[in-house]
Amino acid sequence: MFRILSFLLISLLLGCRTENQRDKLVFSLKNFGEFHISELSKTEIIRPLDQPQLWSTEYIINVSIDFQKLDSSNIILSDKKIKMILPKPFILSHEINPKSLEIKYTQKPNIPFVLTPDQEEKILVKADQQLKNSIDTVGIISKAEENLTSFLSGYLKSIGYTQISIRYSSH
């Protein structure tokens, strides 16, 4: 009986220690808040339907993760092992640099072309639509997950974990 009680007491103390470790880890990760993971700068080719030119413009996409949404039930600790399910990274912002707008191809190369403000606005709207449609194909979310996994794995190894599993929620 004494052995069983001793075993239960030790298990309870170890369980509390693990819970305490998990709480400390969750607290420290939540302190990151909305954490900027990745930034992608890319040039996009645009072809407005009403114009015979191809244009290019540069855009920047920023990806973040909100550690405030981290739930302690999504972290499992045991000895030097840790399994985590983190909130899904998201597009924090995307912006087009209007000053980078330039002609890449025109059917009439010898005729100078000057954009009116209305034409420029139409091209930038088209570029924004293309950007929104291509965000998934660019793979920036998966790249951000890779970057964050690498960062957190290094952090967790530095505090003593040897087996680390990091996944991301689907929503």
Foldseek 3Di string as FASTA:
>chain_A
DVVVVVVVVVVVVVVVVQVVVLVVVLVVQQVCAWPWQDKDKDKDWFDDPVFQFIKIWIKMWIKTFGSVPADSVQWDDDDQEIEGAGEQIDTPDMDIDLVRIDTPDGPDVVDDDDDDPVRSVSRRVRVVVVCVVCVVVVCPSVVSVVRVVVVVVVVSVVVRHDHYHYHYDPD
